[in-house]
Protein backbone atom coordinates (compact mmCIF):
# COMPACT_ATOMS: atom_id res chain seq x y z
CA MET A 1 8.93 -9.71 -13.56
CA PHE A 2 6.75 -7.68 -15.90
CA SER A 3 7.99 -4.40 -14.41
CA HIS A 4 11.54 -5.18 -15.59
CA CYS A 5 10.67 -6.41 -19.07
CA GLU A 6 13.37 -5.36 -21.57
CA ARG A 7 10.71 -4.25 -24.06
CA GLY A 8 8.21 -2.43 -21.93
CA GLY A 9 8.43 -2.58 -18.18
CA TRP A 10 8.02 0.55 -16.11
CA ILE A 11 7.46 3.30 -18.67
CA LEU A 12 4.80 5.80 -17.55
CA GLY A 13 6.20 8.11 -14.91
CA ASN A 14 9.65 6.66 -15.46
CA ALA A 15 10.94 6.53 -19.04
CA ILE A 16 8.22 8.95 -20.19
CA ASP A 17 5.90 11.27 -18.31
CA GLY A 18 2.66 9.96 -16.93
CA THR A 19 -0.54 11.65 -18.00
CA GLN A 20 -4.00 12.73 -16.90
CA ALA A 21 -6.23 13.31 -19.92
CA ASP A 22 -9.46 12.25 -21.60
CA PHE A 23 -7.57 10.00 -24.02
CA VAL A 24 -4.08 8.52 -23.70
CA ARG A 25 -1.81 6.59 -26.05
CA ILE A 26 -0.20 3.78 -24.06
CA PRO A 27 3.02 2.01 -25.16
CA PHE A 28 2.67 -1.79 -25.39
CA ALA A 29 -1.05 -1.43 -24.67
CA ASP A 30 -1.84 -4.80 -26.26
CA THR A 31 0.13 -6.61 -23.55
CA SER A 32 -0.25 -4.28 -20.56
CA LEU A 33 -3.88 -3.15 -20.30
CA TYR A 34 -6.91 -4.95 -18.89
CA PRO A 35 -10.34 -4.31 -20.42
CA ILE A 36 -13.22 -2.82 -18.48
CA LEU A 37 -16.32 -4.90 -19.10
CA THR A 38 -19.67 -3.48 -20.12
CA GLY A 39 -21.54 -2.48 -16.99
CA ASP A 40 -18.44 -2.24 -14.78
CA ASP A 41 -18.46 0.46 -12.12
CA GLU A 42 -15.37 2.42 -13.12
CA GLU A 43 -14.66 4.23 -9.82
CA PRO A 44 -13.43 1.22 -7.81
CA LEU A 45 -11.58 -0.08 -10.88
CA VAL A 46 -9.47 3.10 -10.94
CA MET A 47 -7.98 1.95 -7.64
CA CYS A 48 -7.04 -1.33 -9.33
CA SER A 49 -4.70 0.55 -11.65
CA ASP A 50 -2.21 1.38 -8.92
CA VAL A 51 -2.71 1.17 -5.17
CA LEU A 52 -4.39 -2.24 -4.89
CA PRO A 53 -1.89 -4.32 -6.90
CA THR A 54 1.04 -2.34 -5.48
CA ALA A 55 -0.01 -2.91 -1.88
CA PHE A 56 -1.02 -6.51 -2.52
CA GLU A 57 2.03 -7.66 -4.49
CA CYS A 58 4.79 -5.61 -2.85
CA GLY A 59 3.37 -5.71 0.66
CA VAL A 60 0.97 -8.58 1.30
CA LEU A 61 2.40 -11.24 -1.04
CA ASN A 62 6.04 -10.35 -0.47
CA GLY A 63 5.31 -10.11 3.26
CA HIS A 64 3.82 -13.62 3.33
CA VAL A 65 0.75 -12.58 5.32
CA THR A 66 -0.81 -15.79 6.63
CA PRO A 67 -4.08 -16.90 8.25
CA GLY A 68 -3.90 -16.34 11.98
CA GLY A 69 -0.66 -14.38 11.69
CA SER A 70 0.17 -10.83 12.72
CA VAL A 71 0.91 -7.94 10.38
CA ALA A 72 2.01 -4.40 11.20
CA ILE A 73 1.56 -1.80 8.46
CA VAL A 74 3.55 1.38 8.97
CA GLY A 75 1.70 4.20 7.23
CA SER A 76 -2.05 4.60 6.81
CA GLY A 77 -2.08 6.48 3.53
CA PRO A 78 -3.70 4.97 0.43
CA ILE A 79 -1.00 2.30 0.04
CA GLY A 80 -1.11 1.30 3.70
CA LEU A 81 -4.90 1.14 3.64
CA ALA A 82 -4.84 -0.87 0.41
CA ALA A 83 -2.41 -3.28 2.08
CA LEU A 84 -4.85 -3.55 4.98
CA LEU A 85 -7.74 -4.28 2.60
CA THR A 86 -5.89 -6.94 0.61
CA ALA A 87 -4.23 -8.53 3.66
CA GLN A 88 -7.72 -9.59 4.65
CA PHE A 89 -7.65 -12.11 1.78
CA PHE A 90 -5.46 -14.17 4.15
CA SER A 91 -7.33 -13.54 7.42
CA PRO A 92 -4.49 -12.44 9.72
CA ALA A 93 -5.46 -12.50 13.38
CA GLN A 94 -3.91 -9.10 14.05
CA SER A 95 -3.71 -6.17 11.62
CA ILE A 96 -1.90 -3.30 13.32
CA ILE A 97 -1.75 0.10 11.62
CA ILE A 98 0.86 2.63 12.71
CA ASP A 99 0.79 6.32 11.81
CA LEU A 100 1.17 9.84 13.21
CA ASP A 101 -2.27 11.03 12.06
CA ASP A 102 -5.18 10.13 14.32
CA LYS A 103 -7.68 10.90 11.56
CA ARG A 104 -6.09 8.36 9.24
CA LEU A 105 -5.86 5.85 12.06
CA ALA A 106 -9.60 6.27 12.59
CA VAL A 107 -10.13 5.53 8.90
CA ALA A 108 -7.93 2.43 9.25
CA LYS A 109 -10.27 1.10 11.94
CA THR A 110 -13.18 1.32 9.49
CA PHE A 111 -11.08 -0.60 6.95
CA GLY A 112 -10.67 -3.55 9.31
CA ALA A 113 -7.59 -2.79 11.42
CA THR A 114 -7.73 -4.76 14.66
CA HIS A 115 -5.43 -2.25 16.37
CA VAL A 116 -4.10 1.24 15.60
CA VAL A 117 -1.01 2.86 17.09
CA ASN A 118 -0.04 6.53 16.99
CA SER A 119 3.77 6.54 16.82
CA GLY A 120 4.12 10.18 17.79
CA ASP A 121 5.23 9.33 21.31
CA GLY A 122 8.14 7.21 20.08
CA LYS A 123 6.74 4.09 21.74
CA ALA A 124 5.26 2.26 18.75
CA LEU A 125 7.56 -0.73 19.27
CA GLN A 126 6.39 -1.21 22.85
CA ALA A 127 2.76 -0.82 21.81
CA VAL A 128 3.05 -3.42 19.04
CA ARG A 129 4.78 -5.90 21.35
CA ARG A 130 1.96 -5.53 23.86
CA ILE A 131 -0.44 -6.47 21.06
CA ALA A 132 1.48 -9.13 19.12
CA GLY A 133 3.82 -10.46 21.79
CA ARG A 134 7.35 -9.69 22.83
CA TYR A 135 8.92 -11.23 19.72
CA GLY A 136 7.18 -8.87 17.32
CA VAL A 137 5.00 -9.42 14.25
CA ASP A 138 5.15 -12.04 11.52
CA THR A 139 4.96 -9.38 8.79
CA ALA A 140 6.00 -5.74 8.81
CA ILE A 141 4.95 -3.69 5.76
CA GLU A 142 6.71 -0.37 5.19
CA ALA A 143 4.26 1.89 3.31
CA VAL A 144 5.78 5.36 3.69
CA GLY A 145 9.26 5.50 2.19
CA ILE A 146 11.38 7.36 4.74
CA PRO A 147 14.30 6.10 6.86
CA ALA A 148 12.43 6.32 10.18
CA THR A 149 9.59 4.06 9.06
CA PHE A 150 11.87 1.43 7.55
CA GLU A 151 13.97 1.35 10.71
CA LEU A 152 10.80 0.97 12.77
CA CYS A 153 9.85 -2.04 10.65
CA GLU A 154 13.28 -3.54 11.37
CA GLN A 155 12.39 -3.40 15.06
CA LEU A 156 8.84 -4.66 14.67
CA VAL A 157 9.48 -7.85 12.69
CA GLY A 158 9.89 -10.97 14.78
CA PRO A 159 12.20 -13.98 14.29
CA GLY A 160 11.40 -15.81 11.07
CA GLY A 161 9.30 -12.88 9.90
CA HIS A 162 9.11 -10.84 6.71
CA LEU A 163 9.81 -7.14 6.20
CA ALA A 164 8.16 -6.04 2.96
CA ASN A 165 9.17 -2.62 1.68
CA VAL A 166 6.56 -0.84 -0.44
CA GLY A 167 7.48 2.81 0.12
CA VAL A 168 9.58 4.69 -2.44
CA HIS A 169 12.83 5.70 -0.73
CA GLY A 170 14.79 8.73 -1.86
CA LYS A 171 17.38 8.69 0.92
CA PRO A 172 19.72 6.05 2.36
CA VAL A 173 18.37 3.85 5.14
CA THR A 174 20.40 2.15 7.85
CA LEU A 175 20.23 -1.64 7.78
CA HIS A 176 20.68 -2.71 11.40
CA LEU A 177 22.37 -6.06 10.83
CA GLU A 178 23.71 -5.91 14.38
CA LEU A 179 20.09 -6.50 15.46
CA LEU A 180 18.84 -8.64 12.58
CA TRP A 181 21.65 -11.06 11.68
CA ASP A 182 20.40 -13.88 13.96
CA ARG A 183 16.63 -13.46 13.48
CA ASN A 184 16.07 -15.41 10.24
CA ILE A 185 14.09 -12.60 8.67
CA THR A 186 13.44 -11.90 5.00
CA ILE A 187 13.57 -8.35 3.59
CA THR A 188 11.93 -7.80 0.21
CA THR A 189 11.65 -4.97 -2.28
CA ARG A 190 9.58 -4.91 -5.47
CA LEU A 191 8.10 -2.89 -8.27
CA VAL A 192 4.46 -3.76 -8.89
CA ASP A 193 4.10 -6.16 -11.83
CA THR A 194 0.26 -6.20 -11.85
CA SER A 195 0.44 -9.98 -12.22
CA SER A 196 -2.33 -10.09 -9.62
CA MET A 197 -4.64 -7.86 -11.64
CA PRO A 198 -6.98 -10.58 -13.00
CA MET A 199 -7.63 -11.86 -9.47
CA ILE A 200 -8.09 -8.35 -8.07
CA LEU A 201 -10.53 -7.40 -10.84
CA ARG A 202 -12.62 -10.50 -10.19
CA THR A 203 -12.59 -9.83 -6.46
CA VAL A 204 -13.66 -6.21 -6.87
CA ARG A 205 -16.38 -7.13 -9.38
CA ALA A 206 -17.69 -9.70 -6.92
CA GLY A 207 -17.90 -7.06 -4.19
CA LYS A 208 -15.49 -8.88 -1.87
CA ILE A 209 -13.50 -5.69 -1.22
CA GLU A 210 -14.51 -2.05 -1.60
CA PRO A 211 -11.62 -0.01 -3.04
CA ARG A 212 -14.02 2.89 -3.68
CA ARG A 213 -13.55 3.70 0.01
CA LEU A 214 -10.00 4.84 -0.79
CA ILE A 215 -11.43 7.75 -2.80
CA SER A 216 -11.95 10.77 -0.56
CA HIS A 217 -12.42 13.56 -3.12
CA HIS A 218 -13.80 14.01 -6.65
CA PHE A 219 -12.77 16.77 -9.05
CA LYS A 220 -13.41 17.58 -12.68
CA LEU A 221 -10.34 17.42 -14.91
CA SER A 222 -10.75 21.17 -15.46
CA ASN A 223 -10.14 21.67 -11.72
CA ILE A 224 -6.94 19.65 -11.62
CA ILE A 225 -4.95 22.39 -9.84
CA GLU A 226 -7.42 22.38 -6.96
CA ALA A 227 -7.23 18.58 -6.89
CA TYR A 228 -3.44 18.65 -6.56
CA GLU A 229 -3.63 21.28 -3.82
CA THR A 230 -6.14 19.14 -1.92
CA PHE A 231 -3.90 16.08 -2.20
CA ALA A 232 -0.78 18.07 -1.26
CA THR A 233 -2.42 19.26 1.97
CA ALA A 234 -3.86 15.89 2.95
CA GLU A 235 -3.25 16.45 6.65
CA ALA A 236 -5.70 19.34 6.58
CA THR A 237 -8.12 18.10 3.92
CA GLY A 238 -8.21 14.43 4.92
CA ALA A 239 -7.43 13.44 1.33
CA LEU A 240 -6.68 9.83 0.50
CA LYS A 241 -7.13 9.24 -3.23
CA VAL A 242 -8.41 12.11 -5.41
CA LEU A 243 -10.45 11.05 -8.44
CA LEU A 244 -10.45 13.15 -11.61
CA GLU A 245 -13.48 13.01 -13.87
CA ALA A 246 -13.77 14.27 -17.45
């Protein structure tokens, strides 16, 4: 588990502040960075630094997405959409995206979602069961990080299924063992290790997935305050990932 390495591990944004600058000094750079090749298109590779490996490792791999299976992704922000993109490596028969924002659900359809569900009416469980069957989905990926979405995933996952938590939780969540104890499910948590990075880089370079589509806005580094305001008001601006350029 690279993220828990005793000498290194999760440093930026954890042990020390992260950074947005023209040049950055990175601890343990010789064992933690991947080179950009001459001629690489840098924009899609920026998405490889965070959302793609996070969604793929913590959501898709931990969730054991399988060919012909069913996956429900709760949250259609950048992480949820990246999980949708990388789940397609395994060709699930049903990719169901659940969110409160119709605009983001429309984006999810363009990313390959077979079904979208607006959970605002409180009937997401019934909607998913109409799509995937009365037992629920094989994989439920929690991509938000609040109690309500994790508890929804507990309801969505079917017997023998996997609940993969990706969202960062800052509050306690109720584990409904009274509902889950007899269903043979697996619940996983994980920090991204980027162990999948070589494969993801090759896949992006080959044009098999298009992570550039996660970028909704571009700003110069000198306009970083405007960039943060745009990202903070994503419901109004439609922001997904905001790219800063020197």
